[in-house]
PDB file of N, CA and C in Angstrom:
ATOM      1  N   MET A   1      18.919 -89.771-113.973  1.00  0.00           N
ATOM      2  CA  MET A   1      18.587 -88.694-114.346  1.00  0.00           C
ATOM      3  C   MET A   1      19.044 -87.285-113.222  1.00  0.00           C
ATOM      4  N   ILE A   2      18.960 -87.305-112.007  1.00  0.00           N
ATOM      5  CA  ILE A   2      19.271 -86.530-111.099  1.00  0.00           C
ATOM      6  C   ILE A   2      20.707 -86.520-111.239  1.00  0.00           C
ATOM      7  N   GLU A   3      21.616 -87.467-111.310  1.00  0.00           N
ATOM      8  CA  GLU A   3      23.009 -87.457-111.596  1.00  0.00           C
ATOM      9  C   GLU A   3      23.344 -86.641-112.430  1.00  0.00           C
ATOM     10  N   SER A   4      22.882 -86.700-113.808  1.00  0.00           N
ATOM     11  CA  SER A   4      23.263 -85.692-115.053  1.00  0.00           C
ATOM     12  C   SER A   4      22.983 -84.398-114.630  1.00  0.00           C
ATOM     13  N   MET A   5      21.668 -84.194-114.107  1.00  0.00           N
ATOM     14  CA  MET A   5      21.319 -82.746-113.915  1.00  0.00           C
ATOM     15  C   MET A   5      21.891 -82.114-112.968  1.00  0.00           C
ATOM     16  N   ALA A   6      22.104 -82.754-111.632  1.00  0.00           N
ATOM     17  CA  ALA A   6      22.738 -82.230-110.495  1.00  0.00           C
ATOM     18  C   ALA A   6      24.063 -82.465-110.156  1.00  0.00           C
ATOM     19  N   GLU A   7      24.641 -83.124-110.982  1.00  0.00           N
ATOM     20  CA  GLU A   7      25.903 -83.620-111.047  1.00  0.00           C
ATOM     21  C   GLU A   7      26.541 -84.110-109.730  1.00  0.00           C
ATOM     22  N   VAL A   8      25.471 -84.830-109.280  1.00  0.00           N
ATOM     23  CA  VAL A   8      25.847 -85.723-107.966  1.00  0.00           C
ATOM     24  C   VAL A   8      25.667 -87.337-108.176  1.00  0.00           C
ATOM     25  N   GLN A   9      26.670 -88.038-107.916  1.00  0.00           N
ATOM     26  CA  GLN A   9      26.712 -89.133-108.104  1.00  0.00           C
ATOM     27  C   GLN A   9      25.027 -90.011-107.620  1.00  0.00           C
ATOM     28  N   THR A  10      24.758 -90.919-107.707  1.00  0.00           N
ATOM     29  CA  THR A  10      23.560 -91.823-107.342  1.00  0.00           C
ATOM     30  C   THR A  10      23.902 -92.331-105.965  1.00  0.00           C
ATOM     31  N   LYS A  11      24.972 -92.793-105.642  1.00  0.00           N
ATOM     32  CA  LYS A  11      25.514 -93.158-104.297  1.00  0.00           C
ATOM     33  C   LYS A  11      25.452 -92.186-103.377  1.00  0.00           C
ATOM     34  N   GLU A  12      25.769 -90.945-103.880  1.00  0.00           N
ATOM     35  CA  GLU A  12      26.004 -89.875-102.901  1.00  0.00           C
ATOM     36  C   GLU A  12      24.590 -89.027-102.752  1.00  0.00           C
ATOM     37  N   GLN A  13      23.255 -89.643-103.424  1.00  0.00           N
ATOM     38  CA  GLN A  13      22.063 -88.643-103.282  1.00  0.00           C
ATOM     39  C   GLN A  13      21.239 -89.027-102.282  1.00  0.00           C
ATOM     40  N   ILE A  14      20.924 -88.030-101.688  1.00  0.00           N
ATOM     41  CA  ILE A  14      19.633 -88.335-100.471  1.00  0.00           C
ATOM     42  C   ILE A  14      18.598 -87.497-100.704  1.00  0.00           C
ATOM     43  N   LEU A  15      17.523 -87.961-101.223  1.00  0.00           N
ATOM     44  CA  LEU A  15      16.106 -87.539-101.311  1.00  0.00           C
ATOM     45  C   LEU A  15      15.211 -87.050-100.118  1.00  0.00           C
ATOM     46  N   THR A  16      14.430 -86.140 -99.934  1.00  0.00           N
ATOM     47  CA  THR A  16      13.746 -85.940 -98.814  1.00  0.00           C
ATOM     48  C   THR A  16      12.728 -85.053 -99.516  1.00  0.00           C
ATOM     49  N   LEU A  17      11.422 -85.287 -98.983  1.00  0.00           N
ATOM     50  CA  LEU A  17      10.037 -84.660 -99.263  1.00  0.00           C
ATOM     51  C   LEU A  17       9.601 -84.383 -97.946  1.00  0.00           C
ATOM     52  N   ASP A  18       9.048 -83.272 -97.790  1.00  0.00           N
ATOM     53  CA  ASP A  18       8.541 -82.582 -96.508  1.00  0.00           C
ATOM     54  C   ASP A  18       9.380 -83.262 -95.218  1.00  0.00           C
ATOM     55  N   GLY A  19      10.644 -83.109 -95.316  1.00  0.00           N
ATOM     56  CA  GLY A  19      11.449 -83.236 -94.253  1.00  0.00           C
ATOM     57  C   GLY A  19      11.707 -84.801 -93.882  1.00  0.00           C
ATOM     58  N   ARG A  20      10.989 -85.766 -94.730  1.00  0.00           N
ATOM     59  CA  ARG A  20      11.316 -87.034 -94.458  1.00  0.00           C
ATOM     60  C   ARG A  20      12.176 -87.662 -95.760  1.00  0.00           C
ATOM     61  N   HIS A  21      13.325 -88.517 -95.103  1.00  0.00           N
ATOM     62  CA  HIS A  21      14.157 -89.079 -95.830  1.00  0.00           C
ATOM     63  C   HIS A  21      13.450 -90.093 -96.749  1.00  0.00           C
ATOM     64  N   LEU A  22      13.782 -90.243 -98.056  1.00  0.00           N
ATOM     65  CA  LEU A  22      12.855 -91.066 -99.022  1.00  0.00           C
ATOM     66  C   LEU A  22      13.807 -92.434 -99.031  1.00  0.00           C
ATOM     67  N   GLY A  23      14.400 -92.938 -98.058  1.00  0.00           N
ATOM     68  CA  GLY A  23      15.079 -94.200 -98.112  1.00  0.00           C
ATOM     69  C   GLY A  23      16.204 -94.410 -98.709  1.00  0.00           C
ATOM     70  N   ASP A  24      16.763 -95.590 -99.043  1.00  0.00           N
ATOM     71  CA  ASP A  24      18.156 -95.808 -99.724  1.00  0.00           C
ATOM     72  C   ASP A  24      18.124 -96.442-101.087  1.00  0.00           C
ATOM     73  N   GLY A  25      17.102 -96.087-101.781  1.00  0.00           N
ATOM     74  CA  GLY A  25      17.028 -96.317-103.188  1.00  0.00           C
ATOM     75  C   GLY A  25      16.457 -97.268-103.596  1.00  0.00           C
ATOM     76  N   SER A  26      15.865 -98.386-102.656  1.00  0.00           N
ATOM     77  CA  SER A  26      15.354 -99.788-102.916  1.00  0.00           C
ATOM     78  C   SER A  26      13.828 -99.667-103.471  1.00  0.00           C
ATOM     79  N   ARG A  27      13.064 -98.718-103.030  1.00  0.00           N
ATOM     80  CA  ARG A  27      12.047 -98.373-103.659  1.00  0.00           C
ATOM     81  C   ARG A  27      11.871 -97.192-104.579  1.00  0.00           C
ATOM     82  N   LYS A  28      10.570 -97.502-105.270  1.00  0.00           N
ATOM     83  CA  LYS A  28      10.669 -96.673-106.189  1.00  0.00           C
ATOM     84  C   LYS A  28       9.893 -95.239-105.961  1.00  0.00           C
ATOM     85  N   LEU A  29      10.146 -94.314-106.447  1.00  0.00           N
ATOM     86  CA  LEU A  29       9.263 -92.946-106.015  1.00  0.00           C
ATOM     87  C   LEU A  29       8.173 -93.019-106.005  1.00  0.00           C
ATOM     88  N   SER A  30       7.252 -93.784-106.886  1.00  0.00           N
ATOM     89  CA  SER A  30       5.929 -94.119-106.964  1.00  0.00           C
ATOM     90  C   SER A  30       5.346 -94.727-105.646  1.00  0.00           C
ATOM     91  N   GLU A  31       6.180 -95.406-104.580  1.00  0.00           N
ATOM     92  CA  GLU A  31       5.822 -95.954-103.415  1.00  0.00           C
ATOM     93  C   GLU A  31       5.744 -95.030-102.352  1.00  0.00           C
ATOM     94  N   TYR A  32       6.042 -93.760-102.733  1.00  0.00           N
ATOM     95  CA  TYR A  32       5.947 -92.599-101.491  1.00  0.00           C
ATOM     96  C   TYR A  32       5.099 -91.725-101.964  1.00  0.00           C
ATOM     97  N   ASN A  33       4.065 -92.076-102.453  1.00  0.00           N
ATOM     98  CA  ASN A  33       2.582 -91.304-102.819  1.00  0.00           C
ATOM     99  C   ASN A  33       2.879 -89.909-103.051  1.00  0.00           C
ATOM    100  N   ILE A  34       3.794 -89.609-103.975  1.00  0.00           N
ATOM    101  CA  ILE A  34       4.433 -88.200-104.450  1.00  0.00           C
ATOM    102  C   ILE A  34       3.245 -87.781-105.372  1.00  0.00           C
ATOM    103  N   LYS A  35       2.806 -86.415-105.133  1.00  0.00           N
ATOM    104  CA  LYS A  35       1.765 -86.058-105.887  1.00  0.00           C
ATOM    105  C   LYS A  35       2.332 -85.102-106.990  1.00  0.00           C
ATOM    106  N   ASN A  36       1.852 -84.659-107.808  1.00  0.00           N
ATOM    107  CA  ASN A  36       2.348 -83.496-109.023  1.00  0.00           C
ATOM    108  C   ASN A  36       2.416 -82.403-108.199  1.00  0.00           C
ATOM    109  N   GLY A  37       3.526 -81.840-108.621  1.00  0.00           N
ATOM    110  CA  GLY A  37       3.766 -80.394-107.788  1.00  0.00           C
ATOM    111  C   GLY A  37       4.749 -80.710-106.631  1.00  0.00           C
ATOM    112  N   SER A  38       4.925 -81.968-106.010  1.00  0.00           N
ATOM    113  CA  SER A  38       5.521 -82.020-104.981  1.00  0.00           C
ATOM    114  C   SER A  38       6.993 -81.692-105.010  1.00  0.00           C
ATOM    115  N   LYS A  39       7.684 -81.157-104.092  1.00  0.00           N
ATOM    116  CA  LYS A  39       9.021 -80.855-104.091  1.00  0.00           C
ATOM    117  C   LYS A  39       9.846 -81.608-103.661  1.00  0.00           C
ATOM    118  N   LEU A  40      10.909 -82.386-104.067  1.00  0.00           N
ATOM    119  CA  LEU A  40      11.732 -83.245-103.771  1.00  0.00           C
ATOM    120  C   LEU A  40      13.056 -82.238-103.292  1.00  0.00           C
ATOM    121  N   HIS A  41      13.747 -82.726-102.277  1.00  0.00           N
ATOM    122  CA  HIS A  41      15.145 -81.885-102.025  1.00  0.00           C
ATOM    123  C   HIS A  41      16.242 -83.014-102.149  1.00  0.00           C
ATOM    124  N   LEU A  42      17.361 -82.675-102.668  1.00  0.00           N
ATOM    125  CA  LEU A  42      18.142 -83.215-102.929  1.00  0.00           C
ATOM    126  C   LEU A  42      19.320 -82.851-101.976  1.00  0.00           C
ATOM    127  N   ILE A  43      19.974 -83.868-101.244  1.00  0.00           N
ATOM    128  CA  ILE A  43      21.014 -83.674-100.307  1.00  0.00           C
ATOM    129  C   ILE A  43      22.151 -84.587-100.716  1.00  0.00           C
ATOM    130  N   GLN A  44      23.343 -83.857-100.931  1.00  0.00           N
ATOM    131  CA  GLN A  44      24.520 -84.514-100.937  1.00  0.00           C
ATOM    132  C   GLN A  44      25.112 -85.247 -99.985  1.00  0.00           C
ATOM    133  N   GLY A  45      24.893 -86.739-100.192  1.00  0.00           N
ATOM    134  CA  GLY A  45      25.487 -87.538 -99.171  1.00  0.00           C
ATOM    135  C   GLY A  45      26.825 -87.374 -98.423  1.00  0.00           C
ATOM    136  N   ILE A  46      27.720 -87.106 -99.343  1.00  0.00           N
ATOM    137  CA  ILE A  46      29.176 -87.153 -98.838  1.00  0.00           C
ATOM    138  C   ILE A  46      29.540 -85.644 -98.402  1.00  0.00           C
ATOM    139  N   MET A  47      30.175 -85.478 -97.251  1.00  0.00           N
ATOM    140  CA  MET A  47      30.818 -84.233 -96.951  1.00  0.00           C
ATOM    141  C   MET A  47      31.880 -84.213 -95.961  1.00  0.00           C
ATOM    142  N   GLU A  48      32.427 -83.156 -95.770  1.00  0.00           N
ATOM    143  CA  GLU A  48      33.522 -82.879 -94.876  1.00  0.00           C
ATOM    144  C   GLU A  48      33.105 -81.910 -93.519  1.00  0.00           C
ATOM    145  N   ILE A  49      33.344 -82.192 -92.520  1.00  0.00           N
ATOM    146  CA  ILE A  49      32.812 -81.511 -91.469  1.00  0.00           C
ATOM    147  C   ILE A  49      33.946 -81.236 -90.516  1.00  0.00           C
ATOM    148  N   VAL A  50      34.179 -79.930 -89.978  1.00  0.00           N
ATOM    149  CA  VAL A  50      35.418 -79.541 -89.125  1.00  0.00           C
ATOM    150  C   VAL A  50      34.643 -79.814 -87.655  1.00  0.00           C
ATOM    151  N   ILE A  51      35.608 -80.573 -87.005  1.00  0.00           N
ATOM    152  CA  ILE A  51      35.069 -80.779 -85.327  1.00  0.00           C
ATOM    153  C   ILE A  51      36.058 -79.981 -84.515  1.00  0.00           C
ATOM    154  N   GLN A  52      35.587 -79.033 -83.717  1.00  0.00           N
ATOM    155  CA  GLN A  52      36.702 -78.469 -82.722  1.00  0.00           C
ATOM    156  C   GLN A  52      36.767 -79.644 -81.637  1.00  0.00           C
ATOM    157  N   THR A  53      38.141 -79.886 -81.210  1.00  0.00           N
ATOM    158  CA  THR A  53      38.150 -80.520 -80.187  1.00  0.00           C
ATOM    159  C   THR A  53      39.167 -79.635 -79.197  1.00  0.00           C
ATOM    160  N   ASN A  54      39.417 -80.522 -78.005  1.00  0.00           N
ATOM    161  CA  ASN A  54      40.344 -79.839 -77.130  1.00  0.00           C
ATOM    162  C   ASN A  54      41.718 -80.084 -77.735  1.00  0.00           C
ATOM    163  N   GLN A  55      42.047 -80.893 -78.650  1.00  0.00           N
ATOM    164  CA  GLN A  55      43.382 -81.019 -79.063  1.00  0.00           C
ATOM    165  C   GLN A  55      43.521 -80.170 -80.341  1.00  0.00           C
ATOM    166  N   GLY A  56      42.427 -79.274 -80.899  1.00  0.00           N
ATOM    167  CA  GLY A  56      42.449 -78.568 -82.172  1.00  0.00           C
ATOM    168  C   GLY A  56      41.511 -79.111 -83.079  1.00  0.00           C
ATOM    169  N   PRO A  57      41.204 -78.359 -84.398  1.00  0.00           N
ATOM    170  CA  PRO A  57      40.159 -78.927 -85.165  1.00  0.00           C
ATOM    171  C   PRO A  57      40.524 -80.022 -85.991  1.00  0.00           C
ATOM    172  N   ILE A  58      39.724 -80.985 -86.371  1.00  0.00           N
ATOM    173  CA  ILE A  58      40.016 -81.807 -87.377  1.00  0.00           C
ATOM    174  C   ILE A  58      38.706 -81.838 -88.207  1.00  0.00           C
ATOM    175  N   THR A  59      39.010 -82.508 -89.536  1.00  0.00           N
ATOM    176  CA  THR A  59      38.363 -82.676 -90.394  1.00  0.00           C
ATOM    177  C   THR A  59      37.842 -84.038 -90.810  1.00  0.00           C
ATOM    178  N   VAL A  60      36.487 -84.458 -90.613  1.00  0.00           N
ATOM    179  CA  VAL A  60      36.222 -85.625 -90.820  1.00  0.00           C
ATOM    180  C   VAL A  60      35.351 -85.842 -92.120  1.00  0.00           C
ATOM    181  N   THR A  61      35.389 -86.983 -92.990  1.00  0.00           N
ATOM    182  CA  THR A  61      34.497 -87.213 -94.115  1.00  0.00           C
ATOM    183  C   THR A  61      33.654 -87.831 -93.457  1.00  0.00           C
ATOM    184  N   VAL A  62      32.313 -87.480 -93.796  1.00  0.00           N
ATOM    185  CA  VAL A  62      30.961 -88.167 -93.261  1.00  0.00           C
ATOM    186  C   VAL A  62      29.872 -88.492 -94.504  1.00  0.00           C
ATOM    187  N   GLU A  63      29.249 -89.153 -94.103  1.00  0.00           N
ATOM    188  CA  GLU A  63      27.739 -89.120 -94.858  1.00  0.00           C
ATOM    189  C   GLU A  63      26.564 -88.630 -94.191  1.00  0.00           C
ATOM    190  N   SER A  64      25.635 -87.958 -94.842  1.00  0.00           N
ATOM    191  CA  SER A  64      24.457 -87.358 -93.953  1.00  0.00           C
ATOM    192  C   SER A  64      23.885 -88.212 -93.530  1.00  0.00           C
ATOM    193  N   SER A  65      23.806 -89.518 -93.893  1.00  0.00           N
ATOM    194  CA  SER A  65      23.172 -90.602 -93.103  1.00  0.00           C
ATOM    195  C   SER A  65      23.950 -91.310 -92.003  1.00  0.00           C
ATOM    196  N   ASP A  66      25.075 -90.768 -91.799  1.00  0.00           N
ATOM    197  CA  ASP A  66      25.701 -91.386 -90.960  1.00  0.00           C
ATOM    198  C   ASP A  66      25.263 -90.940 -89.387  1.00  0.00           C
ATOM    199  N   THR A  67      25.307 -91.873 -88.377  1.00  0.00           N
ATOM    200  CA  THR A  67      24.632 -91.460 -87.112  1.00  0.00           C
ATOM    201  C   THR A  67      25.616 -90.788 -86.561  1.00  0.00           C
ATOM    202  N   VAL A  68      25.534 -90.026 -85.285  1.00  0.00           N
ATOM    203  CA  VAL A  68      26.265 -89.409 -84.361  1.00  0.00           C
ATOM    204  C   VAL A  68      27.452 -90.360 -83.841  1.00  0.00           C
ATOM    205  N   GLY A  69      26.891 -91.369 -83.547  1.00  0.00           N
ATOM    206  CA  GLY A  69      27.820 -92.479 -83.084  1.00  0.00           C
ATOM    207  C   GLY A  69      28.946 -92.782 -84.055  1.00  0.00           C
ATOM    208  N   ARG A  70      28.349 -92.879 -85.210  1.00  0.00           N
ATOM    209  CA  ARG A  70      29.560 -93.266 -86.368  1.00  0.00           C
ATOM    210  C   ARG A  70      30.386 -92.053 -86.512  1.00  0.00           C
ATOM    211  N   VAL A  71      29.878 -90.846 -86.325  1.00  0.00           N
ATOM    212  CA  VAL A  71      30.975 -89.844 -86.411  1.00  0.00           C
ATOM    213  C   VAL A  71      31.902 -89.869 -85.448  1.00  0.00           C
ATOM    214  N   LYS A  72      31.533 -90.435 -83.968  1.00  0.00           N
ATOM    215  CA  LYS A  72      32.397 -90.427 -83.058  1.00  0.00           C
ATOM    216  C   LYS A  72      33.371 -91.480 -83.225  1.00  0.00           C
ATOM    217  N   GLU A  73      32.772 -92.587 -83.965  1.00  0.00           N
ATOM    218  CA  GLU A  73      33.930 -93.797 -84.324  1.00  0.00           C
ATOM    219  C   GLU A  73      34.882 -92.895 -84.928  1.00  0.00           C
ATOM    220  N   LYS A  74      34.663 -92.253 -86.196  1.00  0.00           N
ATOM    221  CA  LYS A  74      35.604 -91.737 -87.030  1.00  0.00           C
ATOM    222  C   LYS A  74      36.370 -90.802 -86.218  1.00  0.00           C
ATOM    223  N   ILE A  75      36.288 -89.999 -85.239  1.00  0.00           N
ATOM    224  CA  ILE A  75      37.068 -89.254 -84.482  1.00  0.00           C
ATOM    225  C   ILE A  75      38.061 -90.215 -83.635  1.00  0.00           C
ATOM    226  N   LEU A  76      37.513 -91.236 -83.108  1.00  0.00           N
ATOM    227  CA  LEU A  76      38.334 -92.431 -82.527  1.00  0.00           C
ATOM    228  C   LEU A  76      39.381 -92.716 -83.560  1.00  0.00           C
ATOM    229  N   GLU A  77      38.985 -93.248 -84.673  1.00  0.00           N
ATOM    230  CA  GLU A  77      40.031 -93.468 -85.835  1.00  0.00           C
ATOM    231  C   GLU A  77      41.003 -92.622 -86.026  1.00  0.00           C
ATOM    232  N   LYS A  78      40.744 -91.205 -86.117  1.00  0.00           N
ATOM    233  CA  LYS A  78      41.731 -90.381 -86.420  1.00  0.00           C
ATOM    234  C   LYS A  78      42.286 -89.598 -85.241  1.00  0.00           C
ATOM    235  N   LYS A  79      41.933 -89.655 -84.160  1.00  0.00           N
ATOM    236  CA  LYS A  79      42.478 -88.777 -83.231  1.00  0.00           C
ATOM    237  C   LYS A  79      42.664 -89.733 -81.848  1.00  0.00           C
ATOM    238  N   GLY A  80      42.042 -90.967 -82.049  1.00  0.00           N
ATOM    239  CA  GLY A  80      42.290 -91.815 -80.768  1.00  0.00           C
ATOM    240  C   GLY A  80      41.551 -91.355 -79.239  1.00  0.00           C
ATOM    241  N   ILE A  81      40.385 -90.493 -79.553  1.00  0.00           N
ATOM    242  CA  ILE A  81      39.661 -89.972 -78.494  1.00  0.00           C
ATOM    243  C   ILE A  81      38.455 -91.303 -78.288  1.00  0.00           C
ATOM    244  N   PRO A  82      38.475 -91.770 -76.966  1.00  0.00           N
ATOM    245  CA  PRO A  82      37.476 -92.718 -77.026  1.00  0.00           C
ATOM    246  C   PRO A  82      36.212 -92.311 -77.070  1.00  0.00           C
ATOM    247  N   VAL A  83      35.175 -92.884 -77.718  1.00  0.00           N
ATOM    248  CA  VAL A  83      34.124 -92.579 -77.991  1.00  0.00           C
ATOM    249  C   VAL A  83      33.340 -92.269 -76.659  1.00  0.00           C
ATOM    250  N   HIS A  84      33.382 -93.070 -75.795  1.00  0.00           N
ATOM    251  CA  HIS A  84      32.474 -92.455 -74.321  1.00  0.00           C
ATOM    252  C   HIS A  84      32.929 -91.427 -73.655  1.00  0.00           C
ATOM    253  N   ASP A  85      34.326 -90.760 -74.318  1.00  0.00           N
ATOM    254  CA  ASP A  85      34.786 -89.408 -73.762  1.00  0.00           C
ATOM    255  C   ASP A  85      34.281 -87.977 -74.444  1.00  0.00           C
ATOM    256  N   GLN A  86      33.647 -88.483 -75.548  1.00  0.00           N
ATOM    257  CA  GLN A  86      33.274 -87.443 -76.614  1.00  0.00           C
ATOM    258  C   GLN A  86      31.964 -86.960 -76.352  1.00  0.00           C
ATOM    259  N   ILE A  87      31.627 -85.754 -76.459  1.00  0.00           N
ATOM    260  CA  ILE A  87      30.336 -85.283 -76.479  1.00  0.00           C
ATOM    261  C   ILE A  87      30.152 -83.928 -77.637  1.00  0.00           C
ATOM    262  N   LEU A  88      29.434 -84.448 -78.537  1.00  0.00           N
ATOM    263  CA  LEU A  88      29.310 -83.520 -79.818  1.00  0.00           C
ATOM    264  C   LEU A  88      28.310 -82.659 -79.689  1.00  0.00           C
ATOM    265  N   LEU A  89      28.355 -81.458 -79.828  1.00  0.00           N
ATOM    266  CA  LEU A  89      27.408 -80.319 -79.614  1.00  0.00           C
ATOM    267  C   LEU A  89      27.272 -79.595 -81.244  1.00  0.00           C
ATOM    268  N   PHE A  90      26.013 -79.233 -81.558  1.00  0.00           N
ATOM    269  CA  PHE A  90      25.714 -78.170 -82.496  1.00  0.00           C
ATOM    270  C   PHE A  90      24.707 -77.323 -82.150  1.00  0.00           C
ATOM    271  N   ASP A  91      24.952 -76.021 -82.074  1.00  0.00           N
ATOM    272  CA  ASP A  91      24.158 -74.903 -81.662  1.00  0.00           C
ATOM    273  C   ASP A  91      23.981 -75.162 -80.310  1.00  0.00           C
ATOM    274  N   MET A  92      24.699 -75.606 -79.481  1.00  0.00           N
ATOM    275  CA  MET A  92      24.871 -75.851 -78.128  1.00  0.00           C
ATOM    276  C   MET A  92      23.972 -76.784 -77.569  1.00  0.00           C
ATOM    277  N   ALA A  93      23.531 -77.896 -78.504  1.00  0.00           N
ATOM    278  CA  ALA A  93      22.608 -78.761 -78.222  1.00  0.00           C
ATOM    279  C   ALA A  93      23.436 -80.055 -78.148  1.00  0.00           C
ATOM    280  N   GLN A  94      23.402 -81.141 -77.189  1.00  0.00           N
ATOM    281  CA  GLN A  94      24.205 -82.052 -77.389  1.00  0.00           C
ATOM    282  C   GLN A  94      23.398 -83.257 -78.352  1.00  0.00           C
ATOM    283  N   LEU A  95      24.340 -83.761 -79.248  1.00  0.00           N
ATOM    284  CA  LEU A  95      23.925 -84.763 -80.301  1.00  0.00           C
ATOM    285  C   LEU A  95      23.969 -86.059 -79.858  1.00  0.00           C
ATOM    286  N   MET A  96      22.876 -86.761 -79.983  1.00  0.00           N
ATOM    287  CA  MET A  96      22.665 -88.235 -79.464  1.00  0.00           C
ATOM    288  C   MET A  96      23.085 -89.192 -80.575  1.00  0.00           C
ATOM    289  N   ASN A  97      23.711 -90.360 -79.874  1.00  0.00           N
ATOM    290  CA  ASN A  97      24.268 -91.044 -80.570  1.00  0.00           C
ATOM    291  C   ASN A  97      23.643 -91.714 -81.874  1.00  0.00           C
ATOM    292  N   ASP A  98      22.479 -92.018 -81.390  1.00  0.00           N
ATOM    293  CA  ASP A  98      21.667 -92.930 -82.335  1.00  0.00           C
ATOM    294  C   ASP A  98      20.751 -91.857 -83.605  1.00  0.00           C
ATOM    295  N   LYS A  99      21.095 -90.663 -83.453  1.00  0.00           N
ATOM    296  CA  LYS A  99      20.616 -89.868 -84.430  1.00  0.00           C
ATOM    297  C   LYS A  99      21.448 -89.582 -85.577  1.00  0.00           C
ATOM    298  N   MET A 100      21.006 -89.671 -86.951  1.00  0.00           N
ATOM    299  CA  MET A 100      21.498 -89.194 -88.070  1.00  0.00           C
ATOM    300  C   MET A 100      21.958 -87.954 -88.497  1.00  0.00           C
ATOM    301  N   LEU A 101      22.948 -87.531 -88.893  1.00  0.00           N
ATOM    302  CA  LEU A 101      23.254 -86.193 -89.251  1.00  0.00           C
ATOM    303  C   LEU A 101      22.364 -85.296 -89.706  1.00  0.00           C
ATOM    304  N   LEU A 102      21.714 -86.327 -91.001  1.00  0.00           N
ATOM    305  CA  LEU A 102      20.403 -85.813 -91.707  1.00  0.00           C
ATOM    306  C   LEU A 102      19.241 -85.232 -90.770  1.00  0.00           C
ATOM    307  N   ASP A 103      18.926 -85.906 -89.571  1.00  0.00           N
ATOM    308  CA  ASP A 103      18.202 -85.291 -88.515  1.00  0.00           C
ATOM    309  C   ASP A 103      18.296 -84.007 -88.284  1.00  0.00           C
TER     310      ASP A 103
END
């Protein structure tokens, strides 16, 4: 239903409720104690981000459920920069490897 209304493929959908990720689609919405009038938020899962590096900007395709560590692996694959040499910042705050981009 969401796929036809929002034109976002099911595999690219991420639903949140009050800032909580509603899982991987293996549970029914009724299992999340969603009340009448609750607002679900749809986040498109796949996106391209531009990362500024010392070697210039690069574009990486990511999923919002990817971890920062996974993004670093994609940078390694694309530019050859070792993961342990990478520090990713957003709004001047360092991003931790175990955090999801969705967080």
